[in-house]
Amino acid sequence: MRSAATILRMSAFEQALILSGPTACGKSALALDLCERIGGEIVALDSMTVYRGMDIGTAKPSSADRARVPHHLLDVLDPWESLTVAGWLERAEAACTDITVRGLRPIFVGGTPFYLKALLHGLFPGPPADVGLRANLEADADRDGNAALHARLAAVDAKTAARLHPNDVRRVVRALEVHALTGKPISEWQQTWDTVSFSATPQAAPPPARIPAVKLELPRETLYDRINRRVTAMLDAGWMDEVRQLKELPQPLSREARQALGYREMLEYIDNGGDWDETVNRIRIHTRQFAKRQLTWFRHMPVCVPVDANAPDAADRVRKAWDAAIMSP
């Protein structure tokens, strides 16, 4: 039997909808149209737009877009702070409650895989952080390099290592931490998280609600071309100046914020110099690689209904997919 707190939590998400898809597929523009049609407000499903001052490189909605449709969970942290999936889910719950009590519909828009997975499958918190162990692992990464730490993960959890980039130090550290503390790879814990009911796995929080989800799709070549052109547009809009301003902040960027696409490469260029064209090329390559990893995640989320982002009636198709999910038993 669910507790009163769980029932309250379920009610916060029960009117929510999800519009996801890989980076640069056109989610934001379509979401604005959909919100105006159905009376919705946007909740950012993005781990990087939470940071103040990281606007251009995260493709944060413009002031005009925010005036057109209210957005939630943008600019809620300073870039030297960190946010766990559990922390984001709590903020998302509060945003959904605020939206629904005003008679509107929350629409989650974004493509951060772990946030999406928490909404669809519930939350696997795992063992609590071991501060000493985590500090040692991070020190190992600083001393031996990210690739060496990633190789250690591959030796004990090849499945998780295959989906994590070596530079995603925070998640590599967490995966090694879970293995060290439980003796079981985090991929096994997460498989249980996906497939076993909450009552059978007290380690996992239940999904917030059954939320209708759509993923936008594009041909791979089209998506990669959009990514390349968007990197150019961001640079033309003053992205480098934005990164320089971040370096002037009173505290350095957190590990999480530094993982934002392109920021790591630009910070390295500012600190060490090098070939600018090669730096830009690495940003494009790493962004395309990230999109490819997102597509892999989506293949393992069959509950997300695919919709052609290029279809002239894409908004109508998304609405029909949402309605069908709502009506299904």
C-alpha atoms as a PDB file:
ATOM      1  CA  MET A   1       0.000   0.000   0.000  1.00  0.00           C
ATOM      2  CA  ARG A   2       1.393   3.401  -0.980  1.00  0.00           C
ATOM      3  CA  SER A   3       2.058   5.961   1.714  1.00  0.00           C
ATOM      4  CA  ALA A   4       0.370   9.349   1.724  1.00  0.00           C
ATOM      5  CA  ALA A   5       3.672  10.914   0.680  1.00  0.00           C
ATOM      6  CA  THR A   6       3.871   8.612  -2.341  1.00  0.00           C
ATOM      7  CA  ILE A   7       0.265   9.397  -3.328  1.00  0.00           C
ATOM      8  CA  LEU A   8       1.019  13.105  -3.122  1.00  0.00           C
ATOM      9  CA  ARG A   9       4.130  12.601  -5.214  1.00  0.00           C
ATOM     10  CA  MET A  10       2.162  10.639  -7.828  1.00  0.00           C
ATOM     11  CA  SER A  11      -0.424  13.417  -8.075  1.00  0.00           C
ATOM     12  CA  ALA A  12       2.263  15.996  -8.789  1.00  0.00           C
ATOM     13  CA  PHE A  13       3.276  14.168 -11.995  1.00  0.00           C
ATOM     14  CA  GLU A  14       0.002  12.641 -13.146  1.00  0.00           C
ATOM     15  CA  GLN A  15      -0.793  15.465 -15.594  1.00  0.00           C
ATOM     16  CA  ALA A  16       2.755  15.615 -16.979  1.00  0.00           C
ATOM     17  CA  LEU A  17       3.889  14.820 -20.527  1.00  0.00           C
ATOM     18  CA  ILE A  18       7.378  14.205 -21.917  1.00  0.00           C
ATOM     19  CA  LEU A  19       8.922  15.436 -25.167  1.00  0.00           C
ATOM     20  CA  SER A  20      12.439  14.097 -25.545  1.00  0.00           C
ATOM     21  CA  GLY A  21      14.966  13.288 -28.232  1.00  0.00           C
ATOM     22  CA  PRO A  22      18.645  13.808 -29.035  1.00  0.00           C
ATOM     23  CA  THR A  23      20.334  17.182 -28.912  1.00  0.00           C
ATOM     24  CA  ALA A  24      19.530  19.564 -31.803  1.00  0.00           C
ATOM     25  CA  CYS A  25      16.510  17.565 -33.000  1.00  0.00           C
ATOM     26  CA  GLY A  26      14.069  20.469 -32.598  1.00  0.00           C
ATOM     27  CA  LYS A  27      12.470  19.753 -29.213  1.00  0.00           C
ATOM     28  CA  SER A  28      12.397  23.321 -27.946  1.00  0.00           C
ATOM     29  CA  ALA A  29      10.633  24.914 -30.917  1.00  0.00           C
ATOM     30  CA  LEU A  30       8.042  22.160 -31.100  1.00  0.00           C
ATOM     31  CA  ALA A  31       7.439  22.330 -27.349  1.00  0.00           C
ATOM     32  CA  LEU A  32       6.583  26.026 -27.543  1.00  0.00           C
ATOM     33  CA  ASP A  33       3.931  25.298 -30.156  1.00  0.00           C
ATOM     34  CA  LEU A  34       2.517  22.386 -28.153  1.00  0.00           C
ATOM     35  CA  CYS A  35       2.356  24.377 -24.918  1.00  0.00           C
ATOM     36  CA  GLU A  36       0.370  27.116 -26.597  1.00  0.00           C
ATOM     37  CA  ARG A  37      -2.018  24.566 -28.070  1.00  0.00           C
ATOM     38  CA  ILE A  38      -2.777  22.613 -24.910  1.00  0.00           C
ATOM     39  CA  GLY A  39      -2.110  25.111 -22.133  1.00  0.00           C
ATOM     40  CA  GLY A  40       1.222  23.830 -20.895  1.00  0.00           C
ATOM     41  CA  GLU A  41       4.403  25.066 -19.281  1.00  0.00           C
ATOM     42  CA  ILE A  42       7.866  23.637 -19.881  1.00  0.00           C
ATOM     43  CA  VAL A  43       9.927  21.804 -17.270  1.00  0.00           C
ATOM     44  CA  ALA A  44      13.511  21.507 -18.497  1.00  0.00           C
ATOM     45  CA  LEU A  45      14.630  17.871 -18.705  1.00  0.00           C
ATOM     46  CA  ASP A  46      18.250  18.957 -18.901  1.00  0.00           C
ATOM     47  CA  SER A  47      21.175  18.606 -16.507  1.00  0.00           C
ATOM     48  CA  MET A  48      23.057  21.667 -17.798  1.00  0.00           C
ATOM     49  CA  THR A  49      20.456  24.408 -18.276  1.00  0.00           C
ATOM     50  CA  VAL A  50      20.083  24.376 -14.480  1.00  0.00           C
ATOM     51  CA  TYR A  51      23.306  26.436 -14.280  1.00  0.00           C
ATOM     52  CA  ARG A  52      23.287  30.220 -14.271  1.00  0.00           C
ATOM     53  CA  GLY A  53      25.590  31.854 -16.776  1.00  0.00           C
ATOM     54  CA  MET A  54      25.750  28.815 -19.048  1.00  0.00           C
ATOM     55  CA  ASP A  55      23.299  30.037 -21.637  1.00  0.00           C
ATOM     56  CA  ILE A  56      24.686  29.962 -25.157  1.00  0.00           C
ATOM     57  CA  GLY A  57      26.507  26.642 -24.994  1.00  0.00           C
ATOM     58  CA  THR A  58      23.542  24.821 -23.422  1.00  0.00           C
ATOM     59  CA  ALA A  59      21.079  26.222 -25.982  1.00  0.00           C
ATOM     60  CA  LYS A  60      19.053  27.674 -23.140  1.00  0.00           C
ATOM     61  CA  PRO A  61      15.687  29.137 -24.226  1.00  0.00           C
ATOM     62  CA  SER A  62      15.851  32.816 -25.102  1.00  0.00           C
ATOM     63  CA  SER A  63      14.110  35.520 -23.093  1.00  0.00           C
ATOM     64  CA  ALA A  64      11.549  35.753 -25.915  1.00  0.00           C
ATOM     65  CA  ASP A  65      10.835  32.018 -25.653  1.00  0.00           C
ATOM     66  CA  ARG A  66      10.471  32.281 -21.881  1.00  0.00           C
ATOM     67  CA  ALA A  67       8.091  35.204 -22.270  1.00  0.00           C
ATOM     68  CA  ARG A  68       6.074  33.164 -24.757  1.00  0.00           C
ATOM     69  CA  VAL A  69       5.838  30.084 -22.489  1.00  0.00           C
ATOM     70  CA  PRO A  70       6.991  29.866 -18.847  1.00  0.00           C
ATOM     71  CA  HIS A  71       9.964  27.559 -18.276  1.00  0.00           C
ATOM     72  CA  HIS A  72      10.923  25.817 -15.039  1.00  0.00           C
ATOM     73  CA  LEU A  73      14.221  24.426 -13.669  1.00  0.00           C
ATOM     74  CA  LEU A  74      16.367  26.888 -15.589  1.00  0.00           C
ATOM     75  CA  ASP A  75      19.061  28.914 -13.778  1.00  0.00           C
ATOM     76  CA  VAL A  76      18.503  27.255 -10.403  1.00  0.00           C
ATOM     77  CA  LEU A  77      22.168  26.637  -9.516  1.00  0.00           C
ATOM     78  CA  ASP A  78      25.470  28.468  -9.649  1.00  0.00           C
ATOM     79  CA  PRO A  79      27.940  26.687 -11.941  1.00  0.00           C
ATOM     80  CA  TRP A  80      30.158  25.628  -9.050  1.00  0.00           C
ATOM     81  CA  GLU A  81      27.263  23.662  -7.501  1.00  0.00           C
ATOM     82  CA  SER A  82      26.159  20.069  -8.168  1.00  0.00           C
ATOM     83  CA  LEU A  83      22.780  18.421  -8.587  1.00  0.00           C
ATOM     84  CA  THR A  84      21.951  14.745  -8.181  1.00  0.00           C
ATOM     85  CA  VAL A  85      19.184  12.978 -10.085  1.00  0.00           C
ATOM     86  CA  ALA A  86      17.245  12.721  -6.821  1.00  0.00           C
ATOM     87  CA  GLY A  87      17.676  16.451  -6.236  1.00  0.00           C
ATOM     88  CA  TRP A  88      16.462  17.236  -9.737  1.00  0.00           C
ATOM     89  CA  LEU A  89      13.450  14.960  -9.299  1.00  0.00           C
ATOM     90  CA  GLU A  90      12.464  16.803  -6.125  1.00  0.00           C
ATOM     91  CA  ARG A  91      12.652  20.140  -7.946  1.00  0.00           C
ATOM     92  CA  ALA A  92      10.675  18.672 -10.846  1.00  0.00           C
ATOM     93  CA  GLU A  93       7.977  17.536  -8.439  1.00  0.00           C
ATOM     94  CA  ALA A  94       7.666  21.043  -7.012  1.00  0.00           C
ATOM     95  CA  ALA A  95       7.502  22.559 -10.511  1.00  0.00           C
ATOM     96  CA  CYS A  96       4.787  20.126 -11.606  1.00  0.00           C
ATOM     97  CA  THR A  97       2.748  20.874  -8.504  1.00  0.00           C
ATOM     98  CA  ASP A  98       3.014  24.608  -9.161  1.00  0.00           C
ATOM     99  CA  ILE A  99       1.913  24.168 -12.773  1.00  0.00           C
ATOM    100  CA  THR A 100      -0.980  21.787 -12.153  1.00  0.00           C
ATOM    101  CA  VAL A 101      -2.517  23.763  -9.288  1.00  0.00           C
ATOM    102  CA  ARG A 102      -2.883  26.620 -11.772  1.00  0.00           C
ATOM    103  CA  GLY A 103      -4.818  24.349 -14.128  1.00  0.00           C
ATOM    104  CA  LEU A 104      -2.004  23.967 -16.662  1.00  0.00           C
ATOM    105  CA  ARG A 105      -0.038  20.972 -17.921  1.00  0.00           C
ATOM    106  CA  PRO A 106       3.656  20.308 -17.197  1.00  0.00           C
ATOM    107  CA  ILE A 107       5.601  19.267 -20.289  1.00  0.00           C
ATOM    108  CA  PHE A 108       9.086  17.896 -19.678  1.00  0.00           C
ATOM    109  CA  VAL A 109      11.338  18.914 -22.567  1.00  0.00           C
ATOM    110  CA  GLY A 110      14.938  17.767 -22.928  1.00  0.00           C
ATOM    111  CA  GLY A 111      17.220  14.817 -23.453  1.00  0.00           C
ATOM    112  CA  THR A 112      19.239  14.095 -20.307  1.00  0.00           C
ATOM    113  CA  PRO A 113      19.043  10.284 -20.138  1.00  0.00           C
ATOM    114  CA  PHE A 114      19.265   9.814 -16.367  1.00  0.00           C
ATOM    115  CA  TYR A 115      16.546  12.385 -15.703  1.00  0.00           C
ATOM    116  CA  LEU A 116      14.320  10.766 -18.305  1.00  0.00           C
ATOM    117  CA  LYS A 117      14.967   7.331 -16.840  1.00  0.00           C
ATOM    118  CA  ALA A 118      14.071   8.554 -13.343  1.00  0.00           C
ATOM    119  CA  LEU A 119      10.742   9.862 -14.634  1.00  0.00           C
ATOM    120  CA  LEU A 120       9.912   6.688 -16.542  1.00  0.00           C
ATOM    121  CA  HIS A 121      11.256   3.980 -14.237  1.00  0.00           C
ATOM    122  CA  GLY A 122      11.672   5.524 -10.814  1.00  0.00           C
ATOM    123  CA  LEU A 123      14.876   6.271  -8.980  1.00  0.00           C
ATOM    124  CA  PHE A 124      17.666   3.872  -8.089  1.00  0.00           C
ATOM    125  CA  PRO A 125      19.528   5.745  -5.334  1.00  0.00           C
ATOM    126  CA  GLY A 126      21.980   2.963  -4.598  1.00  0.00           C
ATOM    127  CA  PRO A 127      24.190   3.064  -1.524  1.00  0.00           C
ATOM    128  CA  PRO A 128      24.890   6.490  -0.051  1.00  0.00           C
ATOM    129  CA  ALA A 129      28.055   8.222  -1.149  1.00  0.00           C
ATOM    130  CA  ASP A 130      31.258   7.244   0.591  1.00  0.00           C
ATOM    131  CA  VAL A 131      33.082  10.555   0.806  1.00  0.00           C
ATOM    132  CA  GLY A 132      36.519   9.043   1.348  1.00  0.00           C
ATOM    133  CA  LEU A 133      36.206   6.470  -1.399  1.00  0.00           C
ATOM    134  CA  ARG A 134      34.856   9.022  -3.837  1.00  0.00           C
ATOM    135  CA  ALA A 135      37.675  11.451  -3.057  1.00  0.00           C
ATOM    136  CA  ASN A 136      40.243   8.696  -3.646  1.00  0.00           C
ATOM    137  CA  LEU A 137      38.711   7.767  -6.991  1.00  0.00           C
ATOM    138  CA  GLU A 138      38.629  11.394  -8.102  1.00  0.00           C
ATOM    139  CA  ALA A 139      42.261  11.781  -7.044  1.00  0.00           C
ATOM    140  CA  ASP A 140      43.115   8.688  -9.103  1.00  0.00           C
ATOM    141  CA  ALA A 141      41.479  10.298 -12.135  1.00  0.00           C
ATOM    142  CA  ASP A 142      43.456  13.493 -11.605  1.00  0.00           C
ATOM    143  CA  ARG A 143      46.724  11.571 -11.211  1.00  0.00           C
ATOM    144  CA  ASP A 144      46.357   8.791 -13.803  1.00  0.00           C
ATOM    145  CA  GLY A 145      43.907  10.329 -16.238  1.00  0.00           C
ATOM    146  CA  ASN A 146      40.239   9.785 -17.002  1.00  0.00           C
ATOM    147  CA  ALA A 147      40.958   6.954 -19.428  1.00  0.00           C
ATOM    148  CA  ALA A 148      42.726   4.927 -16.745  1.00  0.00           C
ATOM    149  CA  LEU A 149      39.784   5.266 -14.368  1.00  0.00           C
ATOM    150  CA  HIS A 150      37.400   4.317 -17.174  1.00  0.00           C
ATOM    151  CA  ALA A 151      39.512   1.206 -17.863  1.00  0.00           C
ATOM    152  CA  ARG A 152      39.126   0.188 -14.218  1.00  0.00           C
ATOM    153  CA  LEU A 153      35.373   0.440 -14.614  1.00  0.00           C
ATOM    154  CA  ALA A 154      35.464  -1.624 -17.815  1.00  0.00           C
ATOM    155  CA  ALA A 155      37.236  -4.393 -15.902  1.00  0.00           C
ATOM    156  CA  VAL A 156      34.396  -4.739 -13.363  1.00  0.00           C
ATOM    157  CA  ASP A 157      31.360  -3.449 -15.291  1.00  0.00           C
ATOM    158  CA  ALA A 158      31.841  -3.543 -19.046  1.00  0.00           C
ATOM    159  CA  LYS A 159      28.181  -2.705 -19.715  1.00  0.00           C
ATOM    160  CA  THR A 160      28.299   0.571 -17.821  1.00  0.00           C
ATOM    161  CA  ALA A 161      31.738   1.460 -19.208  1.00  0.00           C
ATOM    162  CA  ALA A 162      30.427   0.997 -22.747  1.00  0.00           C
ATOM    163  CA  ARG A 163      27.786   3.686 -22.286  1.00  0.00           C
ATOM    164  CA  LEU A 164      29.863   6.180 -20.304  1.00  0.00           C
ATOM    165  CA  HIS A 165      32.422   8.463 -21.921  1.00  0.00           C
ATOM    166  CA  PRO A 166      35.829   8.365 -20.182  1.00  0.00           C
ATOM    167  CA  ASN A 167      35.510  12.088 -19.463  1.00  0.00           C
ATOM    168  CA  ASP A 168      32.217  11.587 -17.618  1.00  0.00           C
ATOM    169  CA  VAL A 169      34.250  11.285 -14.442  1.00  0.00           C
ATOM    170  CA  ARG A 170      31.361  11.845 -12.054  1.00  0.00           C
ATOM    171  CA  ARG A 171      29.381   8.851 -13.330  1.00  0.00           C
ATOM    172  CA  VAL A 172      32.475   6.662 -13.743  1.00  0.00           C
ATOM    173  CA  VAL A 173      33.354   7.385 -10.117  1.00  0.00           C
ATOM    174  CA  ARG A 174      29.799   6.620  -9.007  1.00  0.00           C
ATOM    175  CA  ALA A 175      29.789   3.315 -10.869  1.00  0.00           C
ATOM    176  CA  LEU A 176      33.099   2.277  -9.279  1.00  0.00           C
ATOM    177  CA  GLU A 177      31.814   3.427  -5.906  1.00  0.00           C
ATOM    178  CA  VAL A 178      28.653   1.297  -6.186  1.00  0.00           C
ATOM    179  CA  HIS A 179      30.701  -1.743  -7.187  1.00  0.00           C
ATOM    180  CA  ALA A 180      33.136  -1.254  -4.316  1.00  0.00           C
ATOM    181  CA  LEU A 181      30.364  -0.794  -1.739  1.00  0.00           C
ATOM    182  CA  THR A 182      27.964  -3.511  -2.896  1.00  0.00           C
ATOM    183  CA  GLY A 183      30.128  -6.004  -4.774  1.00  0.00           C
ATOM    184  CA  LYS A 184      27.689  -5.780  -7.692  1.00  0.00           C
ATOM    185  CA  PRO A 185      27.979  -3.669 -10.876  1.00  0.00           C
ATOM    186  CA  ILE A 186      25.692  -0.672 -11.089  1.00  0.00           C
ATOM    187  CA  SER A 187      24.386  -2.050 -14.402  1.00  0.00           C
ATOM    188  CA  GLU A 188      22.861  -4.983 -12.494  1.00  0.00           C
ATOM    189  CA  TRP A 189      21.262  -2.651  -9.975  1.00  0.00           C
ATOM    190  CA  GLN A 190      19.846  -0.543 -12.795  1.00  0.00           C
ATOM    191  CA  GLN A 191      18.477  -3.589 -14.593  1.00  0.00           C
ATOM    192  CA  THR A 192      16.511  -4.384 -11.442  1.00  0.00           C
ATOM    193  CA  TRP A 193      15.453  -0.744 -11.324  1.00  0.00           C
ATOM    194  CA  ASP A 194      13.967  -1.053 -14.824  1.00  0.00           C
ATOM    195  CA  THR A 195      12.247  -4.390 -14.618  1.00  0.00           C
ATOM    196  CA  VAL A 196      11.135  -5.248 -11.072  1.00  0.00           C
ATOM    197  CA  SER A 197       8.242  -3.704  -9.227  1.00  0.00           C
ATOM    198  CA  PHE A 198       8.796  -1.296  -6.373  1.00  0.00           C
ATOM    199  CA  SER A 199       7.340  -3.681  -3.802  1.00  0.00           C
ATOM    200  CA  ALA A 200       9.984  -6.270  -4.706  1.00  0.00           C
ATOM    201  CA  THR A 201      12.905  -3.850  -4.636  1.00  0.00           C
ATOM    202  CA  PRO A 202      12.792  -1.554  -1.605  1.00  0.00           C
ATOM    203  CA  GLN A 203      16.122  -0.019  -2.705  1.00  0.00           C
ATOM    204  CA  ALA A 204      14.344   1.801  -5.538  1.00  0.00           C
ATOM    205  CA  ALA A 205      11.800   4.612  -5.451  1.00  0.00           C
ATOM    206  CA  PRO A 206       8.781   4.023  -7.712  1.00  0.00           C
ATOM    207  CA  PRO A 207       8.290   5.961 -10.922  1.00  0.00           C
ATOM    208  CA  PRO A 208       6.579   9.294 -10.202  1.00  0.00           C
ATOM    209  CA  ALA A 209       3.629   8.309 -12.434  1.00  0.00           C
ATOM    210  CA  ARG A 210       2.995   6.716 -15.804  1.00  0.00           C
ATOM    211  CA  ILE A 211       3.973   9.727 -17.913  1.00  0.00           C
ATOM    212  CA  PRO A 212       3.233   9.679 -21.677  1.00  0.00           C
ATOM    213  CA  ALA A 213       6.542  10.108 -23.500  1.00  0.00           C
ATOM    214  CA  VAL A 214       7.492  10.960 -27.081  1.00  0.00           C
ATOM    215  CA  LYS A 215      10.952  10.956 -28.594  1.00  0.00           C
ATOM    216  CA  LEU A 216      11.654  13.012 -31.713  1.00  0.00           C
ATOM    217  CA  GLU A 217      13.654  11.291 -34.433  1.00  0.00           C
ATOM    218  CA  LEU A 218      15.701  12.498 -37.381  1.00  0.00           C
ATOM    219  CA  PRO A 219      17.875  10.710 -39.946  1.00  0.00           C
ATOM    220  CA  ARG A 220      21.388  10.441 -38.516  1.00  0.00           C
ATOM    221  CA  GLU A 221      22.916  12.588 -41.296  1.00  0.00           C
ATOM    222  CA  THR A 222      20.331  15.331 -40.750  1.00  0.00           C
ATOM    223  CA  LEU A 223      20.893  15.311 -37.007  1.00  0.00           C
ATOM    224  CA  TYR A 224      24.665  15.536 -37.338  1.00  0.00           C
ATOM    225  CA  ASP A 225      24.381  18.395 -39.827  1.00  0.00           C
ATOM    226  CA  ARG A 226      22.144  20.279 -37.385  1.00  0.00           C
ATOM    227  CA  ILE A 227      24.680  19.726 -34.617  1.00  0.00           C
ATOM    228  CA  ASN A 228      27.531  21.068 -36.733  1.00  0.00           C
ATOM    229  CA  ARG A 229      25.559  24.144 -37.720  1.00  0.00           C
ATOM    230  CA  ARG A 230      24.398  24.776 -34.171  1.00  0.00           C
ATOM    231  CA  VAL A 231      27.974  24.752 -32.842  1.00  0.00           C
ATOM    232  CA  THR A 232      28.841  27.406 -35.432  1.00  0.00           C
ATOM    233  CA  ALA A 233      25.805  29.484 -34.474  1.00  0.00           C
ATOM    234  CA  MET A 234      26.692  29.295 -30.780  1.00  0.00           C
ATOM    235  CA  LEU A 235      30.226  30.467 -31.432  1.00  0.00           C
ATOM    236  CA  ASP A 236      28.926  33.332 -33.563  1.00  0.00           C
ATOM    237  CA  ALA A 237      26.585  34.277 -30.696  1.00  0.00           C
ATOM    238  CA  GLY A 238      29.504  34.805 -28.283  1.00  0.00           C
ATOM    239  CA  TRP A 239      29.979  31.418 -26.658  1.00  0.00           C
ATOM    240  CA  MET A 240      33.693  31.995 -26.066  1.00  0.00           C
ATOM    241  CA  ASP A 241      32.969  35.231 -24.191  1.00  0.00           C
ATOM    242  CA  GLU A 242      30.504  33.315 -22.033  1.00  0.00           C
ATOM    243  CA  VAL A 243      33.165  30.730 -21.144  1.00  0.00           C
ATOM    244  CA  ARG A 244      35.680  33.451 -20.312  1.00  0.00           C
ATOM    245  CA  GLN A 245      33.142  35.037 -17.952  1.00  0.00           C
ATOM    246  CA  LEU A 246      32.650  31.676 -16.240  1.00  0.00           C
ATOM    247  CA  LYS A 247      36.401  31.530 -15.577  1.00  0.00           C
ATOM    248  CA  GLU A 248      36.145  34.867 -13.753  1.00  0.00           C
ATOM    249  CA  LEU A 249      33.596  33.582 -11.240  1.00  0.00           C
ATOM    250  CA  PRO A 250      34.608  33.450  -7.560  1.00  0.00           C
ATOM    251  CA  GLN A 251      34.677  29.633  -7.611  1.00  0.00           C
ATOM    252  CA  PRO A 252      35.672  27.116 -10.300  1.00  0.00           C
ATOM    253  CA  LEU A 253      33.057  25.172 -12.197  1.00  0.00           C
ATOM    254  CA  SER A 254      31.898  21.943 -10.599  1.00  0.00           C
ATOM    255  CA  ARG A 255      32.794  18.632 -12.204  1.00  0.00           C
ATOM    256  CA  GLU A 256      29.201  18.363 -13.383  1.00  0.00           C
ATOM    257  CA  ALA A 257      29.132  21.797 -15.019  1.00  0.00           C
ATOM    258  CA  ARG A 258      32.469  21.174 -16.717  1.00  0.00           C
ATOM    259  CA  GLN A 259      30.928  18.145 -18.446  1.00  0.00           C
ATOM    260  CA  ALA A 260      28.592  20.378 -20.460  1.00  0.00           C
ATOM    261  CA  LEU A 261      29.168  19.856 -24.169  1.00  0.00           C
ATOM    262  CA  GLY A 262      31.861  22.142 -25.516  1.00  0.00           C
ATOM    263  CA  TYR A 263      32.724  23.910 -22.283  1.00  0.00           C
ATOM    264  CA  ARG A 264      35.522  21.510 -21.372  1.00  0.00           C
ATOM    265  CA  GLU A 265      37.168  21.933 -24.774  1.00  0.00           C
ATOM    266  CA  MET A 266      36.899  25.713 -24.657  1.00  0.00           C
ATOM    267  CA  LEU A 267      38.245  25.913 -21.125  1.00  0.00           C
ATOM    268  CA  GLU A 268      41.224  23.808 -22.189  1.00  0.00           C
ATOM    269  CA  TYR A 269      41.787  26.128 -25.162  1.00  0.00           C
ATOM    270  CA  ILE A 270      41.695  29.208 -22.916  1.00  0.00           C
ATOM    271  CA  ASP A 271      44.103  27.622 -20.432  1.00  0.00           C
ATOM    272  CA  ASN A 272      46.522  25.947 -22.830  1.00  0.00           C
ATOM    273  CA  GLY A 273      46.010  27.444 -26.276  1.00  0.00           C
ATOM    274  CA  GLY A 274      46.263  25.246 -29.327  1.00  0.00           C
ATOM    275  CA  ASP A 275      44.628  25.071 -32.726  1.00  0.00           C
ATOM    276  CA  TRP A 276      41.263  26.844 -32.663  1.00  0.00           C
ATOM    277  CA  ASP A 277      39.860  25.015 -35.691  1.00  0.00           C
ATOM    278  CA  GLU A 278      40.790  21.696 -34.109  1.00  0.00           C
ATOM    279  CA  THR A 279      39.078  22.760 -30.876  1.00  0.00           C
ATOM    280  CA  VAL A 280      35.883  23.554 -32.759  1.00  0.00           C
ATOM    281  CA  ASN A 281      36.104  20.263 -34.596  1.00  0.00           C
ATOM    282  CA  ARG A 282      36.450  18.371 -31.295  1.00  0.00           C
ATOM    283  CA  ILE A 283      33.349  20.117 -29.963  1.00  0.00           C
ATOM    284  CA  ARG A 284      31.382  19.026 -33.009  1.00  0.00           C
ATOM    285  CA  ILE A 285      32.693  15.458 -32.763  1.00  0.00           C
ATOM    286  CA  HIS A 286      31.988  15.158 -29.043  1.00  0.00           C
ATOM    287  CA  THR A 287      28.488  16.582 -29.495  1.00  0.00           C
ATOM    288  CA  ARG A 288      27.744  14.071 -32.241  1.00  0.00           C
ATOM    289  CA  GLN A 289      29.083  11.290 -30.025  1.00  0.00           C
ATOM    290  CA  PHE A 290      26.803  12.453 -27.224  1.00  0.00           C
ATOM    291  CA  ALA A 291      23.825  12.399 -29.591  1.00  0.00           C
ATOM    292  CA  LYS A 292      24.757   8.853 -30.579  1.00  0.00           C
ATOM    293  CA  ARG A 293      24.802   7.813 -26.912  1.00  0.00           C
ATOM    294  CA  GLN A 294      21.397   9.435 -26.433  1.00  0.00           C
ATOM    295  CA  LEU A 295      20.038   7.382 -29.329  1.00  0.00           C
ATOM    296  CA  THR A 296      21.372   4.245 -27.642  1.00  0.00           C
ATOM    297  CA  TRP A 297      19.544   5.184 -24.449  1.00  0.00           C
ATOM    298  CA  PHE A 298      16.311   5.755 -26.361  1.00  0.00           C
ATOM    299  CA  ARG A 299      16.519   2.318 -27.946  1.00  0.00           C
ATOM    300  CA  HIS A 300      16.300   0.892 -24.429  1.00  0.00           C
ATOM    301  CA  MET A 301      13.246   3.006 -23.578  1.00  0.00           C
ATOM    302  CA  PRO A 302      10.460   1.492 -25.690  1.00  0.00           C
ATOM    303  CA  VAL A 303       7.843   3.428 -23.751  1.00  0.00           C
ATOM    304  CA  CYS A 304       9.004   6.547 -25.637  1.00  0.00           C
ATOM    305  CA  VAL A 305       6.908   6.738 -28.814  1.00  0.00           C
ATOM    306  CA  PRO A 306       8.914   7.830 -31.895  1.00  0.00           C
ATOM    307  CA  VAL A 307       7.742  10.804 -33.943  1.00  0.00           C
ATOM    308  CA  ASP A 308       9.418  12.173 -37.065  1.00  0.00           C
ATOM    309  CA  ALA A 309      10.710  15.625 -36.100  1.00  0.00           C
ATOM    310  CA  ASN A 310      10.703  16.681 -39.773  1.00  0.00           C
ATOM    311  CA  ALA A 311       7.064  15.805 -40.379  1.00  0.00           C
ATOM    312  CA  PRO A 312       4.971  18.893 -41.265  1.00  0.00           C
ATOM    313  CA  ASP A 313       2.347  17.700 -38.789  1.00  0.00           C
ATOM    314  CA  ALA A 314       4.840  16.740 -36.064  1.00  0.00           C
ATOM    315  CA  ALA A 315       2.917  18.614 -33.364  1.00  0.00           C
ATOM    316  CA  ASP A 316      -0.297  16.753 -34.217  1.00  0.00           C
ATOM    317  CA  ARG A 317       1.569  13.435 -34.187  1.00  0.00           C
ATOM    318  CA  VAL A 318       3.021  14.171 -30.770  1.00  0.00           C
ATOM    319  CA  ARG A 319      -0.414  15.026 -29.388  1.00  0.00           C
ATOM    320  CA  LYS A 320      -1.909  11.842 -30.822  1.00  0.00           C
ATOM    321  CA  ALA A 321       0.896   9.766 -29.287  1.00  0.00           C
ATOM    322  CA  TRP A 322       0.346  11.407 -25.900  1.00  0.00           C
ATOM    323  CA  ASP A 323      -3.418  10.884 -26.118  1.00  0.00           C
ATOM    324  CA  ALA A 324      -2.983   7.220 -27.052  1.00  0.00           C
ATOM    325  CA  ALA A 325      -0.669   6.676 -24.080  1.00  0.00           C
ATOM    326  CA  ILE A 326      -3.143   8.365 -21.745  1.00  0.00           C
ATOM    327  CA  MET A 327      -6.002   6.193 -22.986  1.00  0.00           C
ATOM    328  CA  SER A 328      -4.083   2.903 -22.900  1.00  0.00           C
ATOM    329  CA  PRO A 329      -4.816   0.619 -19.918  1.00  0.00           C
END
